[in-house]
Amino acid sequence: MSRCLISNNIRKLRFYTHEMTQQELADRTGVTRQTIIAIENGKYSPTLDLAFRIARVFNTQLEEVFSYMPEQNPDKE
């Protein structure tokens, strides 16, 4: 069985958006700064709703913020 690994460009997008802080992004999306930190570090995958809210803050498509790549199980190949 394969898993999906989700990566994101939040840190880069924050930098290019007037160096937005994690707290500013958290305030604009209605979550805590700790949640933003966990998402940026790949320790937490946001809900679909939150992912869209984050994309909306940056005025971009969801695919510009998040990407996923299936993790292949080497035993199955």
N, C-alpha and C. Protein backbone atom coordinates (compact mmCIF):
# COMPACT_ATOMS: atom_id res chain seq x y z
N MET A 1 0.84 -1.18 0.00
CA MET A 1 0.00 0.00 0.00
C MET A 1 0.89 1.24 0.00
N SER A 2 0.54 2.24 -0.79
CA SER A 2 1.36 3.45 -0.85
C SER A 2 0.69 4.59 -0.10
N ARG A 3 1.51 5.48 0.40
CA ARG A 3 1.04 6.68 1.08
C ARG A 3 1.28 7.87 0.18
N CYS A 4 0.60 8.97 0.47
CA CYS A 4 0.85 10.21 -0.24
C CYS A 4 1.62 11.15 0.68
N LEU A 5 2.69 11.66 0.20
CA LEU A 5 3.46 12.64 0.94
C LEU A 5 3.09 14.02 0.42
N ILE A 6 2.65 14.88 1.31
CA ILE A 6 2.23 16.22 0.93
C ILE A 6 3.35 17.20 1.27
N SER A 7 3.75 17.98 0.30
CA SER A 7 4.72 19.03 0.55
C SER A 7 4.05 20.37 0.29
N ASN A 8 4.69 21.45 0.73
CA ASN A 8 4.06 22.75 0.54
C ASN A 8 5.11 23.83 0.29
N ASN A 9 4.63 24.95 -0.22
CA ASN A 9 5.46 26.12 -0.51
C ASN A 9 5.07 27.30 0.37
N ILE A 10 4.51 27.03 1.52
CA ILE A 10 3.99 28.11 2.37
C ILE A 10 5.08 29.09 2.77
N ARG A 11 6.21 28.59 3.22
CA ARG A 11 7.28 29.48 3.67
C ARG A 11 7.71 30.43 2.54
N LYS A 12 7.88 29.87 1.35
CA LYS A 12 8.28 30.69 0.19
C LYS A 12 7.19 31.70 -0.15
N LEU A 13 5.94 31.27 -0.14
CA LEU A 13 4.84 32.18 -0.46
C LEU A 13 4.72 33.29 0.59
N ARG A 14 4.95 32.96 1.85
CA ARG A 14 4.91 34.00 2.89
C ARG A 14 6.00 35.04 2.64
N PHE A 15 7.19 34.57 2.27
CA PHE A 15 8.30 35.48 2.02
C PHE A 15 7.98 36.43 0.87
N TYR A 16 7.40 35.89 -0.20
CA TYR A 16 7.10 36.71 -1.37
C TYR A 16 5.83 37.54 -1.21
N THR A 17 5.11 37.34 -0.11
CA THR A 17 3.91 38.14 0.17
C THR A 17 4.25 39.11 1.30
N HIS A 18 5.09 40.06 0.99
CA HIS A 18 5.49 41.10 1.94
C HIS A 18 6.04 40.52 3.24
N GLU A 19 6.76 39.40 3.11
CA GLU A 19 7.36 38.72 4.26
C GLU A 19 6.34 38.51 5.38
N MET A 20 5.20 37.95 5.01
CA MET A 20 4.12 37.65 5.95
C MET A 20 4.64 36.72 7.04
N THR A 21 4.27 37.00 8.27
CA THR A 21 4.68 36.14 9.37
C THR A 21 3.75 34.94 9.48
N GLN A 22 4.21 33.94 10.21
CA GLN A 22 3.36 32.78 10.46
C GLN A 22 2.11 33.21 11.23
N GLN A 23 2.26 34.15 12.16
CA GLN A 23 1.11 34.62 12.93
C GLN A 23 0.10 35.32 12.04
N GLU A 24 0.57 36.13 11.09
CA GLU A 24 -0.35 36.81 10.17
C GLU A 24 -1.12 35.80 9.34
N LEU A 25 -0.44 34.77 8.85
CA LEU A 25 -1.13 33.74 8.07
C LEU A 25 -2.13 33.00 8.95
N ALA A 26 -1.73 32.69 10.16
CA ALA A 26 -2.64 32.01 11.10
C ALA A 26 -3.89 32.86 11.35
N ASP A 27 -3.70 34.14 11.59
CA ASP A 27 -4.84 35.04 11.84
C ASP A 27 -5.77 35.11 10.64
N ARG A 28 -5.19 35.14 9.45
CA ARG A 28 -6.01 35.27 8.23
C ARG A 28 -6.73 33.97 7.87
N THR A 29 -6.26 32.84 8.38
CA THR A 29 -6.90 31.56 8.06
C THR A 29 -7.68 30.99 9.24
N GLY A 30 -7.59 31.63 10.40
CA GLY A 30 -8.39 31.19 11.54
C GLY A 30 -7.82 29.99 12.29
N VAL A 31 -6.51 29.83 12.25
CA VAL A 31 -5.87 28.74 13.00
C VAL A 31 -4.78 29.33 13.88
N THR A 32 -4.12 28.48 14.64
CA THR A 32 -3.04 28.95 15.50
C THR A 32 -1.72 28.99 14.73
N ARG A 33 -0.80 29.76 15.26
CA ARG A 33 0.55 29.82 14.67
C ARG A 33 1.20 28.44 14.71
N GLN A 34 0.94 27.68 15.75
CA GLN A 34 1.50 26.34 15.87
C GLN A 34 1.02 25.43 14.74
N THR A 35 -0.23 25.61 14.31
CA THR A 35 -0.75 24.83 13.19
C THR A 35 -0.01 25.18 11.91
N ILE A 36 0.22 26.46 11.68
CA ILE A 36 0.96 26.88 10.48
C ILE A 36 2.38 26.31 10.52
N ILE A 37 3.02 26.37 11.67
CA ILE A 37 4.38 25.81 11.81
C ILE A 37 4.37 24.33 11.47
N ALA A 38 3.41 23.58 12.01
CA ALA A 38 3.34 22.14 11.77
C ALA A 38 3.11 21.83 10.30
N ILE A 39 2.27 22.61 9.63
CA ILE A 39 2.01 22.40 8.20
C ILE A 39 3.28 22.70 7.40
N GLU A 40 3.91 23.84 7.68
CA GLU A 40 5.15 24.20 6.96
C GLU A 40 6.22 23.13 7.10
N ASN A 41 6.30 22.54 8.29
CA ASN A 41 7.33 21.53 8.55
C ASN A 41 6.94 20.13 8.11
N GLY A 42 5.76 19.98 7.52
CA GLY A 42 5.32 18.68 7.04
C GLY A 42 4.92 17.72 8.13
N LYS A 43 4.65 18.22 9.32
CA LYS A 43 4.25 17.37 10.44
C LYS A 43 2.73 17.23 10.55
N TYR A 44 2.01 18.04 9.77
CA TYR A 44 0.55 18.03 9.82
C TYR A 44 0.03 18.35 8.43
N SER A 45 -0.94 17.58 7.99
CA SER A 45 -1.60 17.85 6.70
C SER A 45 -2.89 18.59 6.98
N PRO A 46 -3.08 19.73 6.36
CA PRO A 46 -4.29 20.51 6.63
C PRO A 46 -5.53 19.85 6.05
N THR A 47 -6.66 20.22 6.61
CA THR A 47 -7.92 19.78 6.02
C THR A 47 -8.05 20.44 4.66
N LEU A 48 -8.92 19.92 3.85
CA LEU A 48 -9.14 20.50 2.52
C LEU A 48 -9.61 21.95 2.65
N ASP A 49 -10.49 22.20 3.60
CA ASP A 49 -10.99 23.55 3.84
C ASP A 49 -9.84 24.50 4.17
N LEU A 50 -8.97 24.10 5.08
CA LEU A 50 -7.85 24.95 5.47
C LEU A 50 -6.88 25.13 4.30
N ALA A 51 -6.65 24.10 3.54
CA ALA A 51 -5.76 24.20 2.38
C ALA A 51 -6.28 25.26 1.40
N PHE A 52 -7.58 25.27 1.16
CA PHE A 52 -8.16 26.27 0.27
C PHE A 52 -8.07 27.66 0.87
N ARG A 53 -8.27 27.79 2.18
CA ARG A 53 -8.16 29.10 2.83
C ARG A 53 -6.74 29.64 2.71
N ILE A 54 -5.74 28.77 2.88
CA ILE A 54 -4.35 29.19 2.74
C ILE A 54 -4.09 29.66 1.32
N ALA A 55 -4.53 28.90 0.34
CA ALA A 55 -4.35 29.29 -1.07
C ALA A 55 -5.02 30.63 -1.35
N ARG A 56 -6.19 30.84 -0.78
CA ARG A 56 -6.93 32.09 -1.01
C ARG A 56 -6.16 33.28 -0.44
N VAL A 57 -5.52 33.11 0.72
CA VAL A 57 -4.73 34.19 1.30
C VAL A 57 -3.64 34.63 0.33
N PHE A 58 -3.02 33.67 -0.34
CA PHE A 58 -1.95 33.98 -1.29
C PHE A 58 -2.47 34.28 -2.69
N ASN A 59 -3.79 34.25 -2.85
CA ASN A 59 -4.42 34.53 -4.14
C ASN A 59 -3.84 33.65 -5.24
N THR A 60 -3.77 32.35 -4.96
CA THR A 60 -3.19 31.41 -5.90
C THR A 60 -3.97 30.10 -5.90
N GLN A 61 -3.64 29.24 -6.82
CA GLN A 61 -4.28 27.93 -6.92
C GLN A 61 -3.74 27.00 -5.84
N LEU A 62 -4.55 26.07 -5.43
CA LEU A 62 -4.17 25.09 -4.41
C LEU A 62 -2.88 24.36 -4.80
N GLU A 63 -2.73 24.05 -6.08
CA GLU A 63 -1.56 23.32 -6.56
C GLU A 63 -0.27 24.13 -6.46
N GLU A 64 -0.39 25.45 -6.34
CA GLU A 64 0.79 26.30 -6.16
C GLU A 64 1.26 26.29 -4.71
N VAL A 65 0.37 25.91 -3.81
CA VAL A 65 0.70 25.87 -2.38
C VAL A 65 1.09 24.46 -1.95
N PHE A 66 0.31 23.49 -2.36
CA PHE A 66 0.52 22.10 -1.94
C PHE A 66 0.76 21.19 -3.13
N SER A 67 1.58 20.19 -2.92
CA SER A 67 1.77 19.15 -3.92
C SER A 67 1.89 17.82 -3.20
N TYR A 68 1.60 16.77 -3.92
CA TYR A 68 1.73 15.45 -3.30
C TYR A 68 2.41 14.49 -4.26
N MET A 69 3.06 13.54 -3.65
CA MET A 69 3.74 12.52 -4.42
C MET A 69 3.51 11.19 -3.73
N PRO A 70 2.98 10.22 -4.43
CA PRO A 70 2.77 8.91 -3.80
C PRO A 70 4.11 8.30 -3.39
N GLU A 71 4.13 7.76 -2.20
CA GLU A 71 5.32 7.05 -1.74
C GLU A 71 5.20 5.60 -2.17
N GLN A 72 6.12 5.16 -2.97
CA GLN A 72 6.08 3.80 -3.48
C GLN A 72 6.66 2.85 -2.47
N ASN A 73 6.03 1.72 -2.32
CA ASN A 73 6.52 0.67 -1.44
C ASN A 73 7.49 -0.18 -2.26
N PRO A 74 8.79 -0.15 -1.95
CA PRO A 74 9.76 -0.88 -2.77
C PRO A 74 9.52 -2.38 -2.80
N ASP A 75 8.86 -2.93 -1.80
CA ASP A 75 8.59 -4.38 -1.76
C ASP A 75 7.55 -4.79 -2.79
N LYS A 76 6.70 -3.84 -3.23
CA LYS A 76 5.61 -4.15 -4.17
C LYS A 76 6.03 -3.95 -5.61
N GLU A 77 7.17 -3.34 -5.87
CA GLU A 77 7.57 -3.05 -7.24
C GLU A 77 8.31 -4.21 -7.86
